[in-house]
N, C-alpha and C. Protein backbone atom coordinates (compact mmCIF):
# COMPACT_ATOMS: atom_id res chain seq x y z
N MET A 1 107.03 40.35 16.96
CA MET A 1 107.90 39.48 17.68
C MET A 1 107.12 38.40 18.16
N THR A 2 107.60 37.13 17.89
CA THR A 2 106.92 35.96 18.33
C THR A 2 107.65 35.37 19.36
N GLN A 3 107.02 34.80 20.39
CA GLN A 3 107.70 34.25 21.62
C GLN A 3 107.62 32.71 21.39
N ASP A 4 108.74 32.09 21.89
CA ASP A 4 108.81 30.64 21.81
C ASP A 4 107.94 30.18 22.97
N PRO A 5 106.89 29.38 22.66
CA PRO A 5 105.98 28.96 23.75
C PRO A 5 106.61 28.04 24.74
N SER A 6 107.78 27.38 24.47
CA SER A 6 108.38 26.46 25.33
C SER A 6 109.24 27.20 26.39
N ARG A 7 109.45 28.58 26.17
CA ARG A 7 110.24 29.25 27.21
C ARG A 7 109.27 29.56 28.47
N GLY A 8 109.81 29.44 29.54
CA GLY A 8 109.05 29.73 30.81
C GLY A 8 108.36 28.53 31.23
N ARG A 9 108.23 27.51 30.47
CA ARG A 9 107.64 26.28 30.91
C ARG A 9 108.63 25.29 31.24
N PRO A 10 108.36 24.42 32.24
CA PRO A 10 109.28 23.33 32.54
C PRO A 10 109.19 22.30 31.42
N PRO A 11 110.32 21.59 31.17
CA PRO A 11 110.33 20.59 30.13
C PRO A 11 109.38 19.41 30.49
N LEU A 12 108.82 18.91 29.55
CA LEU A 12 107.93 17.72 29.74
C LEU A 12 108.66 16.46 30.18
N TYR A 13 109.83 16.33 29.78
CA TYR A 13 110.71 15.17 30.13
C TYR A 13 111.86 15.61 30.89
N SER A 14 112.18 14.85 31.91
CA SER A 14 113.46 15.14 32.62
C SER A 14 114.35 13.98 32.60
N GLN A 15 115.49 14.18 33.01
CA GLN A 15 116.59 13.12 32.90
C GLN A 15 116.48 12.35 34.30
N ILE A 16 116.56 11.01 34.26
CA ILE A 16 116.49 10.19 35.43
C ILE A 16 117.84 9.48 35.37
N ASP A 17 118.47 9.46 36.47
CA ASP A 17 119.78 8.74 36.65
C ASP A 17 119.48 7.37 36.97
N VAL A 18 119.74 6.38 36.12
CA VAL A 18 119.38 4.97 36.35
C VAL A 18 120.62 4.22 36.62
N THR A 19 121.76 4.84 36.75
CA THR A 19 122.96 4.17 37.10
C THR A 19 122.96 3.66 38.58
N GLN A 20 123.55 2.61 38.86
CA GLN A 20 123.62 1.96 40.17
C GLN A 20 124.53 2.74 40.99
N PRO A 21 124.13 3.10 42.22
CA PRO A 21 124.99 3.88 43.13
C PRO A 21 126.18 2.98 43.57
N ALA A 22 127.10 3.67 44.08
CA ALA A 22 128.41 2.99 44.68
C ALA A 22 127.91 1.79 45.43
N TYR A 23 128.67 0.75 45.41
CA TYR A 23 128.37 -0.49 46.09
C TYR A 23 128.49 -0.41 47.57
N HIS A 24 127.43 -0.79 48.23
CA HIS A 24 127.43 -0.78 49.75
C HIS A 24 127.28 -2.27 50.16
N SER A 25 127.91 -2.65 51.12
CA SER A 25 127.92 -3.98 51.64
C SER A 25 126.49 -4.39 52.21
N PRO A 26 125.78 -5.38 51.76
CA PRO A 26 124.58 -5.67 52.35
C PRO A 26 124.56 -6.08 53.81
N VAL A 27 125.72 -6.58 54.28
CA VAL A 27 125.85 -6.90 55.62
C VAL A 27 125.94 -5.64 56.49
N ALA A 28 126.60 -4.72 55.99
CA ALA A 28 126.78 -3.43 56.81
C ALA A 28 125.36 -2.73 56.80
N SER A 29 124.64 -2.75 55.75
CA SER A 29 123.45 -2.12 55.64
C SER A 29 122.37 -2.85 56.54
N THR A 30 122.44 -4.13 56.60
CA THR A 30 121.58 -4.88 57.54
C THR A 30 121.88 -4.66 58.95
N ARG A 31 123.25 -4.54 59.19
CA ARG A 31 123.52 -4.30 60.68
C ARG A 31 123.07 -2.95 61.05
N SER A 32 123.16 -1.88 60.23
CA SER A 32 122.68 -0.56 60.60
C SER A 32 121.18 -0.58 60.75
N SER A 33 120.51 -1.36 59.91
CA SER A 33 119.03 -1.33 59.97
C SER A 33 118.57 -2.11 61.22
N GLU A 34 119.27 -3.14 61.62
CA GLU A 34 119.04 -3.82 62.82
C GLU A 34 119.29 -3.04 63.97
N SER A 35 120.30 -2.18 63.99
CA SER A 35 120.65 -1.24 65.04
C SER A 35 119.56 -0.19 65.20
N GLU A 36 119.04 0.32 64.03
CA GLU A 36 118.00 1.29 64.08
C GLU A 36 116.74 0.72 64.71
N VAL A 37 116.36 -0.47 64.13
CA VAL A 37 115.16 -1.12 64.69
C VAL A 37 115.27 -1.43 66.18
N GLY A 38 116.45 -1.90 66.61
CA GLY A 38 116.69 -2.19 68.00
C GLY A 38 116.49 -0.84 68.86
N GLY A 39 117.08 0.14 68.41
CA GLY A 39 116.88 1.48 69.09
C GLY A 39 115.52 1.96 69.21
N LEU A 40 114.75 1.73 68.03
CA LEU A 40 113.37 2.16 68.08
C LEU A 40 112.50 1.29 69.00
N LEU A 41 112.85 -0.02 69.03
CA LEU A 41 112.16 -0.89 69.97
C LEU A 41 112.43 -0.56 71.44
N ARG A 42 113.67 -0.18 71.76
CA ARG A 42 114.09 0.24 73.11
C ARG A 42 113.30 1.54 73.48
N GLN A 43 113.11 2.46 72.45
CA GLN A 43 112.28 3.60 72.74
C GLN A 43 110.83 3.33 73.02
N LEU A 44 110.31 2.52 72.20
CA LEU A 44 108.96 2.00 72.45
C LEU A 44 108.74 1.38 73.80
N LEU A 45 109.64 0.54 74.17
CA LEU A 45 109.58 -0.15 75.44
C LEU A 45 109.66 0.89 76.63
N ALA A 46 110.53 1.88 76.42
CA ALA A 46 110.66 2.85 77.51
C ALA A 46 109.42 3.68 77.59
N GLY A 47 108.84 3.97 76.45
CA GLY A 47 107.50 4.76 76.48
C GLY A 47 106.43 3.95 77.03
N GLN A 48 106.41 2.64 76.81
CA GLN A 48 105.36 1.79 77.41
C GLN A 48 105.59 1.69 78.94
N ASP A 49 106.86 1.61 79.32
CA ASP A 49 107.05 1.55 80.77
C ASP A 49 106.64 2.87 81.44
N ARG A 50 106.86 3.95 80.84
CA ARG A 50 106.38 5.27 81.46
C ARG A 50 104.88 5.31 81.39
N GLN A 51 104.23 4.81 80.37
CA GLN A 51 102.80 4.83 80.38
C GLN A 51 102.21 3.96 81.46
N ASN A 52 102.82 2.83 81.66
CA ASN A 52 102.35 1.93 82.70
C ASN A 52 102.57 2.56 84.04
N GLU A 53 103.59 3.28 84.32
CA GLU A 53 103.81 4.02 85.59
C GLU A 53 102.70 4.99 85.82
N LEU A 54 102.37 5.77 84.77
CA LEU A 54 101.40 6.84 84.86
C LEU A 54 99.98 6.21 85.11
N LEU A 55 99.70 5.08 84.46
CA LEU A 55 98.45 4.37 84.73
C LEU A 55 98.38 3.90 86.10
N GLU A 56 99.46 3.37 86.61
CA GLU A 56 99.53 2.88 88.07
C GLU A 56 99.19 4.02 89.00
N GLU A 57 99.85 5.15 88.77
CA GLU A 57 99.60 6.37 89.59
C GLU A 57 98.13 6.86 89.43
N LEU A 58 97.53 6.72 88.20
CA LEU A 58 96.20 7.17 88.09
C LEU A 58 95.14 6.19 88.88
N VAL A 59 95.44 4.91 88.72
CA VAL A 59 94.60 4.00 89.45
C VAL A 59 94.74 4.20 90.94
N GLY A 60 95.98 4.48 91.37
CA GLY A 60 96.13 4.76 92.92
C GLY A 60 95.40 5.92 93.24
N GLN A 61 95.46 6.96 92.46
CA GLN A 61 94.70 8.24 92.80
C GLN A 61 93.25 8.02 92.85
N ILE A 62 92.73 7.28 91.85
CA ILE A 62 91.29 7.07 91.73
C ILE A 62 90.89 6.18 92.93
N SER A 63 91.67 5.10 93.28
CA SER A 63 91.33 4.25 94.30
C SER A 63 91.31 4.99 95.68
N SER A 64 92.25 5.83 95.87
CA SER A 64 92.33 6.59 97.16
C SER A 64 91.08 7.55 97.24
N THR A 65 90.66 8.13 96.18
CA THR A 65 89.52 9.09 96.19
C THR A 65 88.28 8.20 96.50
N GLN A 66 88.19 7.02 95.82
CA GLN A 66 87.02 6.21 96.02
C GLN A 66 87.03 5.70 97.50
N ARG A 67 88.10 5.27 97.99
CA ARG A 67 88.15 4.89 99.48
C ARG A 67 87.84 5.99 100.39
N GLN A 68 88.29 7.19 100.07
CA GLN A 68 87.85 8.30 100.97
C GLN A 68 86.37 8.63 100.88
N ARG A 69 85.86 8.53 99.72
CA ARG A 69 84.38 8.79 99.54
C ARG A 69 83.64 7.71 100.30
N SER A 70 84.09 6.48 100.19
CA SER A 70 83.37 5.31 100.85
C SER A 70 83.46 5.53 102.33
N HIS A 71 84.64 5.92 102.81
CA HIS A 71 84.82 6.15 104.18
C HIS A 71 83.79 7.25 104.75
N GLU A 72 83.71 8.29 104.05
CA GLU A 72 82.98 9.38 104.45
C GLU A 72 81.43 9.04 104.40
N LEU A 73 81.13 8.26 103.35
CA LEU A 73 79.76 7.82 103.23
C LEU A 73 79.40 6.86 104.47
N GLY A 74 80.28 6.09 104.79
CA GLY A 74 80.08 5.13 105.97
C GLY A 74 79.91 5.90 107.21
N GLN A 75 80.79 6.91 107.38
CA GLN A 75 80.65 7.74 108.62
C GLN A 75 79.21 8.43 108.63
N TRP A 76 78.82 9.00 107.50
CA TRP A 76 77.48 9.58 107.40
C TRP A 76 76.49 8.68 107.81
N LYS A 77 76.45 7.32 107.32
CA LYS A 77 75.47 6.33 107.65
C LYS A 77 75.47 6.04 109.12
N GLN A 78 76.69 5.98 109.72
CA GLN A 78 76.77 5.78 111.10
C GLN A 78 76.14 6.87 111.94
N ALA A 79 76.41 8.08 111.41
CA ALA A 79 75.93 9.26 112.24
C ALA A 79 74.38 9.45 112.01
N ASN A 80 73.86 8.89 110.90
CA ASN A 80 72.48 9.06 110.54
C ASN A 80 71.75 7.84 110.14
N PRO A 81 71.74 6.83 111.14
CA PRO A 81 71.20 5.55 110.80
C PRO A 81 69.69 5.58 110.40
N ARG A 82 68.88 6.36 111.07
CA ARG A 82 67.57 6.43 110.78
C ARG A 82 67.31 7.09 109.36
N LEU A 83 67.98 8.11 109.05
CA LEU A 83 67.94 8.72 107.72
C LEU A 83 68.39 7.76 106.57
N ALA A 84 69.41 6.96 106.87
CA ALA A 84 69.85 6.03 105.91
C ALA A 84 68.80 4.84 105.66
N LYS A 85 68.19 4.52 106.74
CA LYS A 85 67.06 3.57 106.67
C LYS A 85 65.86 4.11 105.78
N ASN A 86 65.50 5.44 106.07
CA ASN A 86 64.48 6.07 105.31
C ASN A 86 64.94 6.24 103.83
N CYS A 87 66.13 6.48 103.60
CA CYS A 87 66.64 6.59 102.18
C CYS A 87 66.49 5.30 101.52
N ARG A 88 66.68 4.10 102.25
CA ARG A 88 66.55 2.88 101.57
C ARG A 88 65.00 2.67 101.25
N ALA A 89 64.18 3.03 102.17
CA ALA A 89 62.71 2.88 101.89
C ALA A 89 62.27 3.80 100.71
N ALA A 90 62.78 4.95 100.76
CA ALA A 90 62.41 5.89 99.54
C ALA A 90 62.98 5.40 98.30
N ALA A 91 64.21 4.76 98.25
CA ALA A 91 64.73 4.27 97.11
C ALA A 91 63.94 3.05 96.54
N GLU A 92 63.49 2.25 97.45
CA GLU A 92 62.63 1.15 96.98
C GLU A 92 61.33 1.67 96.41
N ALA A 93 60.69 2.59 97.06
CA ALA A 93 59.41 3.14 96.59
C ALA A 93 59.62 3.86 95.22
N LEU A 94 60.70 4.68 95.13
CA LEU A 94 60.96 5.34 93.91
C LEU A 94 61.32 4.42 92.81
N GLY A 95 61.95 3.30 93.15
CA GLY A 95 62.20 2.32 92.07
C GLY A 95 60.93 1.73 91.43
N LYS A 96 59.95 1.66 92.37
CA LYS A 96 58.66 1.08 91.86
C LYS A 96 57.98 2.20 90.91
N VAL A 97 58.14 3.46 91.35
CA VAL A 97 57.65 4.53 90.52
C VAL A 97 58.37 4.65 89.17
N GLN A 98 59.67 4.38 89.22
CA GLN A 98 60.44 4.34 88.00
C GLN A 98 59.96 3.22 87.08
N THR A 99 59.66 2.05 87.65
CA THR A 99 59.15 0.98 86.83
C THR A 99 57.83 1.32 86.20
N GLU A 100 56.91 1.90 86.92
CA GLU A 100 55.71 2.41 86.26
C GLU A 100 55.95 3.50 85.25
N PHE A 101 56.80 4.39 85.47
CA PHE A 101 57.22 5.48 84.48
C PHE A 101 57.68 4.86 83.26
N LEU A 102 58.60 3.85 83.43
CA LEU A 102 59.20 3.18 82.22
C LEU A 102 58.15 2.41 81.48
N ASP A 103 57.18 1.82 82.14
CA ASP A 103 56.09 1.13 81.49
C ASP A 103 55.27 2.03 80.64
N SER A 104 54.90 3.21 81.17
CA SER A 104 54.19 4.23 80.39
C SER A 104 54.93 4.79 79.28
N LEU A 105 56.27 4.98 79.46
CA LEU A 105 57.19 5.47 78.38
C LEU A 105 57.27 4.45 77.27
N THR A 106 57.40 3.16 77.52
CA THR A 106 57.41 2.21 76.52
C THR A 106 56.07 2.07 75.79
N ARG A 107 54.99 2.11 76.54
CA ARG A 107 53.68 2.09 75.85
C ARG A 107 53.50 3.25 74.95
N GLU A 108 53.98 4.43 75.28
CA GLU A 108 53.96 5.61 74.50
C GLU A 108 54.69 5.44 73.17
N ILE A 109 55.82 4.91 73.38
CA ILE A 109 56.69 4.59 72.16
C ILE A 109 56.00 3.58 71.20
N GLY A 110 55.49 2.58 71.79
CA GLY A 110 54.80 1.55 71.02
C GLY A 110 53.54 2.13 70.26
N ASP A 111 52.82 2.96 70.99
CA ASP A 111 51.56 3.55 70.38
C ASP A 111 51.86 4.52 69.24
N ASN A 112 53.03 5.29 69.37
CA ASN A 112 53.37 6.42 68.50
C ASN A 112 54.62 6.20 67.67
N TYR A 113 55.00 4.98 67.47
CA TYR A 113 56.25 4.66 66.79
C TYR A 113 56.37 5.40 65.45
N GLU A 114 55.34 5.23 64.68
CA GLU A 114 55.52 5.78 63.30
C GLU A 114 55.50 7.30 63.32
N ASN A 115 54.77 7.92 64.24
CA ASN A 115 54.76 9.36 64.42
C ASN A 115 56.10 9.86 64.85
N LEU A 116 56.79 9.13 65.75
CA LEU A 116 58.08 9.52 66.25
C LEU A 116 59.21 9.39 65.16
N ILE A 117 59.04 8.44 64.37
CA ILE A 117 60.01 8.31 63.29
C ILE A 117 59.82 9.39 62.16
N GLU A 118 58.53 9.60 61.83
CA GLU A 118 58.23 10.55 60.68
C GLU A 118 58.31 12.08 61.07
N GLY A 119 57.97 12.26 62.30
CA GLY A 119 57.86 13.69 62.59
C GLY A 119 58.88 14.19 63.67
N GLU A 120 59.64 15.11 63.25
CA GLU A 120 60.62 15.61 64.21
C GLU A 120 59.95 16.37 65.32
N PHE A 121 58.87 17.06 65.10
CA PHE A 121 58.07 17.73 66.10
C PHE A 121 57.58 16.73 67.19
N MET A 122 57.15 15.60 66.72
CA MET A 122 56.60 14.58 67.63
C MET A 122 57.73 13.99 68.50
N LEU A 123 58.82 13.83 67.90
CA LEU A 123 60.05 13.22 68.63
C LEU A 123 60.49 14.21 69.65
N ASN A 124 60.62 15.55 69.32
CA ASN A 124 61.02 16.51 70.22
C ASN A 124 60.07 16.70 71.35
N GLU A 125 58.73 16.56 71.07
CA GLU A 125 57.73 16.59 72.06
C GLU A 125 57.86 15.45 73.07
N PHE A 126 58.06 14.32 72.54
CA PHE A 126 58.21 13.17 73.36
C PHE A 126 59.47 13.25 74.27
N VAL A 127 60.60 13.68 73.72
CA VAL A 127 61.87 13.80 74.42
C VAL A 127 61.63 14.80 75.55
N ASP A 128 61.04 16.02 75.24
CA ASP A 128 60.72 17.08 76.18
C ASP A 128 59.80 16.58 77.33
N ARG A 129 58.93 15.73 76.95
CA ARG A 129 57.95 15.21 77.99
C ARG A 129 58.52 14.14 78.98
N PHE A 130 59.33 13.26 78.40
CA PHE A 130 59.90 12.18 79.16
C PHE A 130 61.24 12.27 79.60
N GLY A 131 62.09 12.96 78.79
CA GLY A 131 63.54 13.12 79.05
C GLY A 131 63.88 13.59 80.41
N PRO A 132 63.54 14.94 80.69
CA PRO A 132 63.82 15.51 81.96
C PRO A 132 63.43 14.70 83.17
N ARG A 133 62.15 14.23 83.11
CA ARG A 133 61.75 13.25 84.20
C ARG A 133 62.56 12.13 84.44
N MET A 134 62.93 11.46 83.28
CA MET A 134 63.71 10.31 83.44
C MET A 134 65.11 10.63 83.98
N ALA A 135 65.75 11.72 83.51
CA ALA A 135 67.04 12.16 84.08
C ALA A 135 67.06 12.49 85.53
N HIS A 136 66.03 13.25 85.91
CA HIS A 136 65.89 13.58 87.29
C HIS A 136 65.59 12.39 88.22
N LEU A 137 64.72 11.52 87.71
CA LEU A 137 64.31 10.30 88.45
C LEU A 137 65.56 9.41 88.68
N ASN A 138 66.37 9.24 87.60
CA ASN A 138 67.45 8.44 87.77
C ASN A 138 68.52 9.08 88.72
N GLY A 139 68.71 10.36 88.72
CA GLY A 139 69.52 11.05 89.62
C GLY A 139 69.17 10.92 91.02
N LEU A 140 67.85 11.04 91.34
CA LEU A 140 67.34 10.80 92.68
C LEU A 140 67.52 9.48 93.16
N LEU A 141 67.18 8.49 92.24
CA LEU A 141 67.35 7.06 92.62
C LEU A 141 68.85 6.78 92.95
N GLN A 142 69.78 7.30 92.22
CA GLN A 142 71.18 7.09 92.36
C GLN A 142 71.55 7.58 93.73
N VAL A 143 71.21 8.84 94.17
CA VAL A 143 71.57 9.42 95.38
C VAL A 143 71.02 8.64 96.54
N LEU A 144 69.67 8.29 96.47
CA LEU A 144 69.02 7.58 97.58
C LEU A 144 69.70 6.20 97.69
N SER A 145 69.99 5.56 96.52
CA SER A 145 70.62 4.20 96.60
C SER A 145 72.05 4.30 97.28
N GLN A 146 72.77 5.34 97.01
CA GLN A 146 74.15 5.42 97.57
C GLN A 146 74.02 5.71 99.03
N LEU A 147 73.07 6.52 99.42
CA LEU A 147 72.95 6.86 100.81
C LEU A 147 72.37 5.72 101.62
N SER A 148 71.60 4.76 100.99
CA SER A 148 71.03 3.67 101.73
C SER A 148 71.73 2.42 101.57
N ALA A 149 72.68 2.33 100.74
CA ALA A 149 73.38 1.03 100.51
C ALA A 149 74.09 0.48 101.80
N VAL A 150 73.92 -0.78 101.91
CA VAL A 150 74.50 -1.46 103.04
C VAL A 150 75.98 -1.65 102.69
N PRO A 151 76.95 -1.22 103.54
CA PRO A 151 78.36 -1.30 103.27
C PRO A 151 78.79 -2.72 103.01
N ASN A 152 79.59 -3.00 102.00
CA ASN A 152 80.09 -4.31 101.67
C ASN A 152 81.26 -4.49 102.48
N PRO A 153 81.37 -5.52 103.47
CA PRO A 153 82.52 -5.76 104.32
C PRO A 153 83.78 -6.04 103.42
N ALA A 154 83.68 -6.66 102.26
CA ALA A 154 84.83 -7.02 101.43
C ALA A 154 85.49 -5.81 100.88
N SER A 155 84.67 -4.73 100.60
CA SER A 155 85.21 -3.56 100.01
C SER A 155 85.38 -2.35 101.04
N ALA A 156 85.09 -2.66 102.23
CA ALA A 156 85.18 -1.57 103.27
C ALA A 156 86.65 -1.19 103.45
N PRO A 157 86.83 0.07 103.67
CA PRO A 157 88.16 0.63 103.74
C PRO A 157 88.89 0.18 105.06
N ASN A 158 90.13 -0.08 105.04
CA ASN A 158 90.88 -0.48 106.23
C ASN A 158 91.06 0.69 107.06
N THR A 159 90.57 0.66 108.31
CA THR A 159 90.68 1.81 109.20
C THR A 159 91.77 1.42 110.17
N PRO A 160 92.74 2.42 110.37
CA PRO A 160 93.86 2.09 111.36
C PRO A 160 93.39 2.10 112.76
């Protein structure tokens, strides 16, 4: 028994209907398209309005948190004026230390540029040696600077 190879396989060619569909008025089609576009634009506008409302709420929340933090920091500075002054002196001194540290770091990079590019071990060694110090130094400077900063009268919170 021989089987017909064309059985079980879809035909290679199919029929395509190329006749023109029933006539639709271009005016009616255009009006429905304009109506759909208008509806979509209204939905987009409503979505943007909602997004703007949410952004305004977010800005308000962040602003109130920042005002609260600034107020608390101001109270701390008033309660500890001597410590705030010492923080300012320490921040200035540590800023000079940071400058020296950055100078040695940049010299190290300049002296070992090729080795840092070519050798992953050397790059990891460099990052291990300078990275944590830089991160901790920056963190300390940030804290000392915030605790010692002179309050800006223009951005001071309104106290009732």
